[in-house]
Amino acid sequence: MKEINSSPRIIRLAETESTNNYMHGLLEKEALPEGVVIVADFQSHGKGQVGNSWESEAGKNLMFSVLLHPDFLPANQQFLISQISALAVQQMLETFAKPVFVKWPNDIYWNDKKICGMLIENDIAGTKLINSIIGIGVNINQKKFYSNAPNPVSLTQITGNEYDLCEMLNIFLSCFFKLYNTLMQGANEVIRNLYFASLYRGKGYHLFNDANNEFEACIQNVEPSGHLTLALRNGEKKRYAFKEVSFVMKSLKSS
């Protein structure tokens, strides 16, 4: 079984539209090896889930994309890539601040504030994953946020310290490729269990919103497909795909 090390080829850019887009462009021109990383000091059009944008001050935060060729995974298991990506960010951040949680499906939260978002784009051929481009933005050294995002936070706001972005990336890659190697060894349930144990509001009953109403429920399960199962107090179960349900959040925007 192949293994990927934590010292891949890293391409550093002063500015790009988005690191995911840059990776797509490179793939159209050449066959890239697994583990290539694109890092940018600034993204002019950083992308989040379903067209969301990502605010980031130039040179202050960690913005990068990682390329995988996870052809050992069936396409219906692609959520495992999302899980290891989220867990690697969580592990990196918990080196410096706790508690850090994974907010389903793959946002990263410190307490009730968002410190990281990601966009994962998968290429599928038949029943197999061919390429995965994992785009990640982590708030590291930014001291103020100006967009209308309700609850952003950075690592420097949490701890009062500033961090070397190269060192932070190296910590992430070490965590990430350990988790990826675990997947390649077939230990999918190990990853799923780590993910479930790391979930934001993973214990107890909390308020949620879906297309119909606001309701109280607890997280019962995250399926291999990524679907979320919630249990109401009366025992009723509800199952959701991405963007079909959301946590009811308070606005906690940093000053």
C-alpha atoms as a PDB file:
ATOM      1  CA  MET A   1       0.000   0.000   0.000  1.00  0.00           C
ATOM      2  CA  LYS A   2       1.349   3.401  -0.964  1.00  0.00           C
ATOM      3  CA  GLU A   3       1.944   6.044   1.686  1.00  0.00           C
ATOM      4  CA  ILE A   4       2.118   9.818   1.329  1.00  0.00           C
ATOM      5  CA  ASN A   5       4.675  11.723   3.373  1.00  0.00           C
ATOM      6  CA  SER A   6       4.158  15.117   5.017  1.00  0.00           C
ATOM      7  CA  SER A   7       6.785  16.931   2.909  1.00  0.00           C
ATOM      8  CA  PRO A   8       5.045  17.347  -0.454  1.00  0.00           C
ATOM      9  CA  ARG A   9       5.746  19.739  -3.314  1.00  0.00           C
ATOM     10  CA  ILE A  10       4.551  23.193  -2.199  1.00  0.00           C
ATOM     11  CA  ILE A  11       3.815  25.971  -4.704  1.00  0.00           C
ATOM     12  CA  ARG A  12       3.696  29.404  -3.054  1.00  0.00           C
ATOM     13  CA  LEU A  13       1.833  32.326  -4.621  1.00  0.00           C
ATOM     14  CA  ALA A  14       1.677  35.970  -3.583  1.00  0.00           C
ATOM     15  CA  GLU A  15      -1.876  36.248  -4.928  1.00  0.00           C
ATOM     16  CA  THR A  16      -4.378  34.170  -6.865  1.00  0.00           C
ATOM     17  CA  GLU A  17      -8.102  34.148  -7.496  1.00  0.00           C
ATOM     18  CA  SER A  18      -8.462  30.952  -5.484  1.00  0.00           C
ATOM     19  CA  THR A  19      -6.045  28.150  -4.742  1.00  0.00           C
ATOM     20  CA  ASN A  20      -8.624  25.571  -5.853  1.00  0.00           C
ATOM     21  CA  ASN A  21      -8.989  27.288  -9.213  1.00  0.00           C
ATOM     22  CA  TYR A  22      -5.198  27.489  -9.573  1.00  0.00           C
ATOM     23  CA  MET A  23      -4.936  23.749  -8.876  1.00  0.00           C
ATOM     24  CA  HIS A  24      -7.612  23.012 -11.488  1.00  0.00           C
ATOM     25  CA  GLY A  25      -5.649  25.076 -13.995  1.00  0.00           C
ATOM     26  CA  LEU A  26      -2.435  23.174 -13.308  1.00  0.00           C
ATOM     27  CA  LEU A  27      -4.222  19.834 -13.669  1.00  0.00           C
ATOM     28  CA  GLU A  28      -5.395  20.842 -17.129  1.00  0.00           C
ATOM     29  CA  LYS A  29      -1.763  21.400 -18.160  1.00  0.00           C
ATOM     30  CA  GLU A  30       0.087  18.556 -16.458  1.00  0.00           C
ATOM     31  CA  ALA A  31      -0.305  15.376 -14.443  1.00  0.00           C
ATOM     32  CA  LEU A  32       0.360  16.412 -10.865  1.00  0.00           C
ATOM     33  CA  PRO A  33       1.554  13.962  -8.211  1.00  0.00           C
ATOM     34  CA  GLU A  34      -0.545  13.320  -5.162  1.00  0.00           C
ATOM     35  CA  GLY A  35       0.181  15.670  -2.281  1.00  0.00           C
ATOM     36  CA  VAL A  36       0.877  18.880  -4.224  1.00  0.00           C
ATOM     37  CA  VAL A  37      -0.020  21.963  -2.154  1.00  0.00           C
ATOM     38  CA  ILE A  38      -0.867  25.441  -3.459  1.00  0.00           C
ATOM     39  CA  VAL A  39      -0.453  28.203  -0.837  1.00  0.00           C
ATOM     40  CA  ALA A  40      -1.416  31.851  -1.363  1.00  0.00           C
ATOM     41  CA  ASP A  41      -0.749  34.976   0.682  1.00  0.00           C
ATOM     42  CA  PHE A  42      -3.976  36.433  -0.695  1.00  0.00           C
ATOM     43  CA  GLN A  43      -7.025  35.128  -2.562  1.00  0.00           C
ATOM     44  CA  SER A  44      -9.042  37.688  -4.503  1.00  0.00           C
ATOM     45  CA  HIS A  45     -12.026  35.336  -4.828  1.00  0.00           C
ATOM     46  CA  GLY A  46     -11.638  32.743  -2.075  1.00  0.00           C
ATOM     47  CA  LYS A  47     -14.484  30.235  -2.273  1.00  0.00           C
ATOM     48  CA  GLY A  48     -16.570  28.541   0.386  1.00  0.00           C
ATOM     49  CA  GLN A  49     -19.399  26.029   0.208  1.00  0.00           C
ATOM     50  CA  VAL A  50     -22.206  26.703  -2.321  1.00  0.00           C
ATOM     51  CA  GLY A  51     -20.793  29.984  -3.624  1.00  0.00           C
ATOM     52  CA  ASN A  52     -19.938  31.548  -0.268  1.00  0.00           C
ATOM     53  CA  SER A  53     -16.882  33.823  -0.172  1.00  0.00           C
ATOM     54  CA  TRP A  54     -14.059  33.743   2.364  1.00  0.00           C
ATOM     55  CA  GLU A  55     -12.725  36.982   3.877  1.00  0.00           C
ATOM     56  CA  SER A  56      -9.000  36.982   4.545  1.00  0.00           C
ATOM     57  CA  GLU A  57      -6.514  39.793   5.064  1.00  0.00           C
ATOM     58  CA  ALA A  58      -3.439  39.498   2.857  1.00  0.00           C
ATOM     59  CA  GLY A  59      -0.516  37.695   4.483  1.00  0.00           C
ATOM     60  CA  LYS A  60      -2.338  37.040   7.755  1.00  0.00           C
ATOM     61  CA  ASN A  61      -4.004  33.692   7.319  1.00  0.00           C
ATOM     62  CA  LEU A  62      -3.465  30.207   5.981  1.00  0.00           C
ATOM     63  CA  MET A  63      -5.054  29.702   2.541  1.00  0.00           C
ATOM     64  CA  PHE A  64      -4.146  26.606   0.575  1.00  0.00           C
ATOM     65  CA  SER A  65      -5.298  23.633  -1.465  1.00  0.00           C
ATOM     66  CA  VAL A  66      -4.089  20.040  -1.364  1.00  0.00           C
ATOM     67  CA  LEU A  67      -4.375  17.543  -4.227  1.00  0.00           C
ATOM     68  CA  LEU A  68      -5.149  13.879  -3.625  1.00  0.00           C
ATOM     69  CA  HIS A  69      -5.691  10.935  -5.977  1.00  0.00           C
ATOM     70  CA  PRO A  70      -7.848   8.768  -3.659  1.00  0.00           C
ATOM     71  CA  ASP A  71      -8.678   6.122  -6.266  1.00  0.00           C
ATOM     72  CA  PHE A  72      -8.813   3.456  -3.543  1.00  0.00           C
ATOM     73  CA  LEU A  73     -12.036   5.033  -2.239  1.00  0.00           C
ATOM     74  CA  PRO A  74     -15.431   4.369  -3.841  1.00  0.00           C
ATOM     75  CA  ALA A  75     -17.224   7.548  -4.865  1.00  0.00           C
ATOM     76  CA  ASN A  76     -19.940   6.910  -2.285  1.00  0.00           C
ATOM     77  CA  GLN A  77     -17.260   7.116   0.430  1.00  0.00           C
ATOM     78  CA  GLN A  78     -16.005  10.576  -0.599  1.00  0.00           C
ATOM     79  CA  PHE A  79     -17.158  12.164   2.679  1.00  0.00           C
ATOM     80  CA  LEU A  80     -14.145  10.502   4.307  1.00  0.00           C
ATOM     81  CA  ILE A  81     -11.940  13.063   2.522  1.00  0.00           C
ATOM     82  CA  SER A  82     -13.985  15.831   4.127  1.00  0.00           C
ATOM     83  CA  GLN A  83     -13.657  14.140   7.509  1.00  0.00           C
ATOM     84  CA  ILE A  84      -9.874  13.785   7.463  1.00  0.00           C
ATOM     85  CA  SER A  85      -9.512  17.375   6.237  1.00  0.00           C
ATOM     86  CA  ALA A  86     -11.620  18.722   9.088  1.00  0.00           C
ATOM     87  CA  LEU A  87      -9.889  16.530  11.664  1.00  0.00           C
ATOM     88  CA  ALA A  88      -6.438  17.654  10.493  1.00  0.00           C
ATOM     89  CA  VAL A  89      -7.365  21.321  10.931  1.00  0.00           C
ATOM     90  CA  GLN A  90      -8.834  20.581  14.332  1.00  0.00           C
ATOM     91  CA  GLN A  91      -5.676  18.756  15.428  1.00  0.00           C
ATOM     92  CA  MET A  92      -3.453  21.567  14.136  1.00  0.00           C
ATOM     93  CA  LEU A  93      -5.414  24.232  16.015  1.00  0.00           C
ATOM     94  CA  GLU A  94      -5.685  22.230  19.221  1.00  0.00           C
ATOM     95  CA  THR A  95      -1.895  22.376  19.408  1.00  0.00           C
ATOM     96  CA  PHE A  96      -2.447  26.007  20.446  1.00  0.00           C
ATOM     97  CA  ALA A  97      -6.065  26.460  21.609  1.00  0.00           C
ATOM     98  CA  LYS A  98      -8.890  24.302  22.934  1.00  0.00           C
ATOM     99  CA  PRO A  99     -11.659  23.355  22.531  1.00  0.00           C
ATOM    100  CA  VAL A 100     -11.883  23.139  18.736  1.00  0.00           C
ATOM    101  CA  PHE A 101     -14.820  21.356  17.099  1.00  0.00           C
ATOM    102  CA  VAL A 102     -15.932  20.211  13.647  1.00  0.00           C
ATOM    103  CA  LYS A 103     -19.271  21.792  12.735  1.00  0.00           C
ATOM    104  CA  TRP A 104     -21.026  19.428  10.331  1.00  0.00           C
ATOM    105  CA  PRO A 105     -20.093  18.966   7.590  1.00  0.00           C
ATOM    106  CA  ASN A 106     -16.593  20.530   7.726  1.00  0.00           C
ATOM    107  CA  ASP A 107     -16.456  24.022   9.236  1.00  0.00           C
ATOM    108  CA  ILE A 108     -14.107  24.365  12.203  1.00  0.00           C
ATOM    109  CA  TYR A 109     -15.231  26.157  15.345  1.00  0.00           C
ATOM    110  CA  TRP A 110     -13.569  27.401  18.509  1.00  0.00           C
ATOM    111  CA  ASN A 111     -16.377  27.568  21.052  1.00  0.00           C
ATOM    112  CA  ASP A 112     -19.204  29.198  19.029  1.00  0.00           C
ATOM    113  CA  LYS A 113     -16.979  31.031  16.531  1.00  0.00           C
ATOM    114  CA  LYS A 114     -15.841  29.974  13.078  1.00  0.00           C
ATOM    115  CA  ILE A 115     -12.093  29.781  12.562  1.00  0.00           C
ATOM    116  CA  CYS A 116     -11.904  27.722   9.360  1.00  0.00           C
ATOM    117  CA  GLY A 117     -13.909  26.893   6.263  1.00  0.00           C
ATOM    118  CA  MET A 118     -13.183  24.565   3.398  1.00  0.00           C
ATOM    119  CA  LEU A 119     -14.318  23.612  -0.080  1.00  0.00           C
ATOM    120  CA  ILE A 120     -13.632  20.101  -1.331  1.00  0.00           C
ATOM    121  CA  GLU A 121     -14.054  19.375  -5.032  1.00  0.00           C
ATOM    122  CA  ASN A 122     -14.003  15.759  -6.183  1.00  0.00           C
ATOM    123  CA  ASP A 123     -13.586  14.337  -9.694  1.00  0.00           C
ATOM    124  CA  ILE A 124     -15.341  10.995 -10.131  1.00  0.00           C
ATOM    125  CA  ALA A 125     -14.951   8.404 -12.882  1.00  0.00           C
ATOM    126  CA  GLY A 126     -17.521   5.631 -12.718  1.00  0.00           C
ATOM    127  CA  THR A 127     -17.616   4.497  -9.118  1.00  0.00           C
ATOM    128  CA  LYS A 128     -14.142   5.761  -8.180  1.00  0.00           C
ATOM    129  CA  LEU A 129     -12.675   9.007  -6.907  1.00  0.00           C
ATOM    130  CA  ILE A 130      -9.945  10.241  -9.240  1.00  0.00           C
ATOM    131  CA  ASN A 131      -8.957  13.634  -7.842  1.00  0.00           C
ATOM    132  CA  SER A 132      -9.822  15.528  -4.694  1.00  0.00           C
ATOM    133  CA  ILE A 133      -8.893  19.190  -4.349  1.00  0.00           C
ATOM    134  CA  ILE A 134      -9.174  20.285  -0.729  1.00  0.00           C
ATOM    135  CA  GLY A 135      -9.322  24.060  -0.356  1.00  0.00           C
ATOM    136  CA  ILE A 136      -8.893  25.356   3.184  1.00  0.00           C
ATOM    137  CA  GLY A 137      -8.890  28.798   4.765  1.00  0.00           C
ATOM    138  CA  VAL A 138      -7.850  29.128   8.423  1.00  0.00           C
ATOM    139  CA  ASN A 139      -7.936  32.422  10.319  1.00  0.00           C
ATOM    140  CA  ILE A 140      -4.523  32.655  11.978  1.00  0.00           C
ATOM    141  CA  ASN A 141      -3.150  36.184  12.487  1.00  0.00           C
ATOM    142  CA  GLN A 142      -6.050  38.423  11.407  1.00  0.00           C
ATOM    143  CA  LYS A 143      -7.052  40.790  14.220  1.00  0.00           C
ATOM    144  CA  LYS A 144     -10.244  42.319  12.769  1.00  0.00           C
ATOM    145  CA  PHE A 145     -12.951  41.109  10.391  1.00  0.00           C
ATOM    146  CA  TYR A 146     -15.019  43.479   8.282  1.00  0.00           C
ATOM    147  CA  SER A 147     -17.458  41.307   6.322  1.00  0.00           C
ATOM    148  CA  ASN A 148     -20.981  40.475   7.449  1.00  0.00           C
ATOM    149  CA  ALA A 149     -19.975  36.986   8.565  1.00  0.00           C
ATOM    150  CA  PRO A 150     -21.697  36.569  11.931  1.00  0.00           C
ATOM    151  CA  ASN A 151     -19.078  34.871  14.065  1.00  0.00           C
ATOM    152  CA  PRO A 152     -15.479  34.818  12.740  1.00  0.00           C
ATOM    153  CA  VAL A 153     -12.458  34.373  14.989  1.00  0.00           C
ATOM    154  CA  SER A 154      -8.723  33.916  14.460  1.00  0.00           C
ATOM    155  CA  LEU A 155      -6.096  32.044  16.422  1.00  0.00           C
ATOM    156  CA  THR A 156      -4.381  35.295  17.380  1.00  0.00           C
ATOM    157  CA  GLN A 157      -7.670  36.659  18.756  1.00  0.00           C
ATOM    158  CA  ILE A 158      -8.007  33.550  20.902  1.00  0.00           C
ATOM    159  CA  THR A 159      -4.472  33.386  22.291  1.00  0.00           C
ATOM    160  CA  GLY A 160      -3.034  36.890  21.836  1.00  0.00           C
ATOM    161  CA  ASN A 161      -0.052  35.405  19.986  1.00  0.00           C
ATOM    162  CA  GLU A 162       1.033  35.546  16.348  1.00  0.00           C
ATOM    163  CA  TYR A 163       2.056  32.466  14.416  1.00  0.00           C
ATOM    164  CA  ASP A 164       4.419  31.505  11.614  1.00  0.00           C
ATOM    165  CA  LEU A 165       2.216  30.442   8.711  1.00  0.00           C
ATOM    166  CA  CYS A 166       4.807  28.044   7.280  1.00  0.00           C
ATOM    167  CA  GLU A 167       5.015  26.266  10.613  1.00  0.00           C
ATOM    168  CA  MET A 168       1.224  26.079  10.831  1.00  0.00           C
ATOM    169  CA  LEU A 169       1.014  24.553   7.354  1.00  0.00           C
ATOM    170  CA  ASN A 170       3.652  21.958   8.255  1.00  0.00           C
ATOM    171  CA  ILE A 171       1.684  20.971  11.362  1.00  0.00           C
ATOM    172  CA  PHE A 172      -1.476  20.623   9.289  1.00  0.00           C
ATOM    173  CA  LEU A 173       0.237  18.510   6.621  1.00  0.00           C
ATOM    174  CA  SER A 174       1.714  16.193   9.236  1.00  0.00           C
ATOM    175  CA  CYS A 175      -1.738  15.634  10.760  1.00  0.00           C
ATOM    176  CA  PHE A 176      -3.445  15.401   7.382  1.00  0.00           C
ATOM    177  CA  PHE A 177      -1.189  12.805   5.792  1.00  0.00           C
ATOM    178  CA  LYS A 178      -1.252  10.631   8.923  1.00  0.00           C
ATOM    179  CA  LEU A 179      -5.033  10.581   8.672  1.00  0.00           C
ATOM    180  CA  TYR A 180      -4.893   9.969   4.915  1.00  0.00           C
ATOM    181  CA  ASN A 181      -2.496   7.062   5.402  1.00  0.00           C
ATOM    182  CA  THR A 182      -4.973   5.671   7.957  1.00  0.00           C
ATOM    183  CA  LEU A 183      -7.635   5.780   5.235  1.00  0.00           C
ATOM    184  CA  MET A 184      -5.344   4.036   2.764  1.00  0.00           C
ATOM    185  CA  GLN A 185      -4.912   1.244   5.299  1.00  0.00           C
ATOM    186  CA  GLY A 186      -8.690   0.737   5.270  1.00  0.00           C
ATOM    187  CA  ALA A 187      -9.384   2.034   8.790  1.00  0.00           C
ATOM    188  CA  ASN A 188     -12.453   3.999   7.712  1.00  0.00           C
ATOM    189  CA  GLU A 189     -14.305   3.456  10.985  1.00  0.00           C
ATOM    190  CA  VAL A 190     -11.389   4.902  12.940  1.00  0.00           C
ATOM    191  CA  ILE A 191     -11.791   8.136  10.956  1.00  0.00           C
ATOM    192  CA  ARG A 192     -15.582   8.151  11.325  1.00  0.00           C
ATOM    193  CA  ASN A 193     -15.346   7.640  15.076  1.00  0.00           C
ATOM    194  CA  LEU A 194     -12.790  10.446  15.473  1.00  0.00           C
ATOM    195  CA  TYR A 195     -15.013  12.725  13.425  1.00  0.00           C
ATOM    196  CA  PHE A 196     -18.161  11.944  15.413  1.00  0.00           C
ATOM    197  CA  ALA A 197     -16.340  12.494  18.708  1.00  0.00           C
ATOM    198  CA  SER A 198     -15.177  15.927  17.468  1.00  0.00           C
ATOM    199  CA  LEU A 199     -18.562  17.301  16.403  1.00  0.00           C
ATOM    200  CA  TYR A 200     -19.665  20.771  17.411  1.00  0.00           C
ATOM    201  CA  ARG A 201     -22.761  20.467  19.616  1.00  0.00           C
ATOM    202  CA  GLY A 202     -22.309  16.731  19.375  1.00  0.00           C
ATOM    203  CA  LYS A 203     -23.841  16.151  22.797  1.00  0.00           C
ATOM    204  CA  GLY A 204     -27.224  17.199  24.120  1.00  0.00           C
ATOM    205  CA  TYR A 205     -30.191  18.902  22.457  1.00  0.00           C
ATOM    206  CA  HIS A 206     -29.767  22.080  20.407  1.00  0.00           C
ATOM    207  CA  LEU A 207     -31.834  24.302  18.125  1.00  0.00           C
ATOM    208  CA  PHE A 208     -31.847  23.630  14.371  1.00  0.00           C
ATOM    209  CA  ASN A 209     -33.560  25.166  11.342  1.00  0.00           C
ATOM    210  CA  ASP A 210     -34.764  23.359   8.242  1.00  0.00           C
ATOM    211  CA  ALA A 211     -37.010  24.469   5.370  1.00  0.00           C
ATOM    212  CA  ASN A 212     -40.097  24.047   7.538  1.00  0.00           C
ATOM    213  CA  ASN A 213     -39.380  25.275  11.041  1.00  0.00           C
ATOM    214  CA  GLU A 214     -37.052  25.663  14.013  1.00  0.00           C
ATOM    215  CA  PHE A 215     -36.817  22.627  16.261  1.00  0.00           C
ATOM    216  CA  GLU A 216     -34.779  21.072  19.049  1.00  0.00           C
ATOM    217  CA  ALA A 217     -32.827  17.882  18.426  1.00  0.00           C
ATOM    218  CA  CYS A 218     -29.620  16.013  19.143  1.00  0.00           C
ATOM    219  CA  ILE A 219     -27.123  14.627  16.649  1.00  0.00           C
ATOM    220  CA  GLN A 220     -27.637  10.876  16.410  1.00  0.00           C
ATOM    221  CA  ASN A 221     -25.432   9.913  13.486  1.00  0.00           C
ATOM    222  CA  VAL A 222     -23.394  11.055  10.503  1.00  0.00           C
ATOM    223  CA  GLU A 223     -23.744   8.455   7.759  1.00  0.00           C
ATOM    224  CA  PRO A 224     -20.846   7.381   5.502  1.00  0.00           C
ATOM    225  CA  SER A 225     -22.535   9.438   2.765  1.00  0.00           C
ATOM    226  CA  GLY A 226     -22.263  12.534   4.981  1.00  0.00           C
ATOM    227  CA  HIS A 227     -25.991  12.740   5.705  1.00  0.00           C
ATOM    228  CA  LEU A 228     -26.846  13.989   9.192  1.00  0.00           C
ATOM    229  CA  THR A 229     -29.414  12.184  11.347  1.00  0.00           C
ATOM    230  CA  LEU A 230     -31.079  14.197  14.115  1.00  0.00           C
ATOM    231  CA  ALA A 231     -33.284  12.833  16.878  1.00  0.00           C
ATOM    232  CA  LEU A 232     -36.096  14.917  18.356  1.00  0.00           C
ATOM    233  CA  ARG A 233     -37.103  14.623  22.010  1.00  0.00           C
ATOM    234  CA  ASN A 234     -40.202  12.643  21.002  1.00  0.00           C
ATOM    235  CA  GLY A 235     -38.031  10.038  19.296  1.00  0.00           C
ATOM    236  CA  GLU A 236     -38.713  11.196  15.739  1.00  0.00           C
ATOM    237  CA  LYS A 237     -35.688  10.998  13.412  1.00  0.00           C
ATOM    238  CA  LYS A 238     -34.831  13.493  10.681  1.00  0.00           C
ATOM    239  CA  ARG A 239     -32.218  12.946   7.954  1.00  0.00           C
ATOM    240  CA  TYR A 240     -30.541  15.778   6.062  1.00  0.00           C
ATOM    241  CA  ALA A 241     -28.087  16.338   3.231  1.00  0.00           C
ATOM    242  CA  PHE A 242     -25.691  19.311   3.138  1.00  0.00           C
ATOM    243  CA  LYS A 243     -27.405  22.709   3.368  1.00  0.00           C
ATOM    244  CA  GLU A 244     -30.804  21.192   4.208  1.00  0.00           C
ATOM    245  CA  VAL A 245     -30.480  21.995   7.908  1.00  0.00           C
ATOM    246  CA  SER A 246     -28.506  24.474   9.979  1.00  0.00           C
ATOM    247  CA  PHE A 247     -27.720  25.204  13.592  1.00  0.00           C
ATOM    248  CA  VAL A 248     -29.491  28.179  15.136  1.00  0.00           C
ATOM    249  CA  MET A 249     -26.560  30.473  15.903  1.00  0.00           C
ATOM    250  CA  LYS A 250     -26.191  33.670  17.866  1.00  0.00           C
ATOM    251  CA  SER A 251     -24.233  36.521  16.273  1.00  0.00           C
ATOM    252  CA  LEU A 252     -20.900  36.642  18.062  1.00  0.00           C
ATOM    253  CA  LYS A 253     -18.855  38.788  15.683  1.00  0.00           C
ATOM    254  CA  SER A 254     -15.507  39.836  17.114  1.00  0.00           C
ATOM    255  CA  SER A 255     -14.876  43.539  17.615  1.00  0.00           C
END
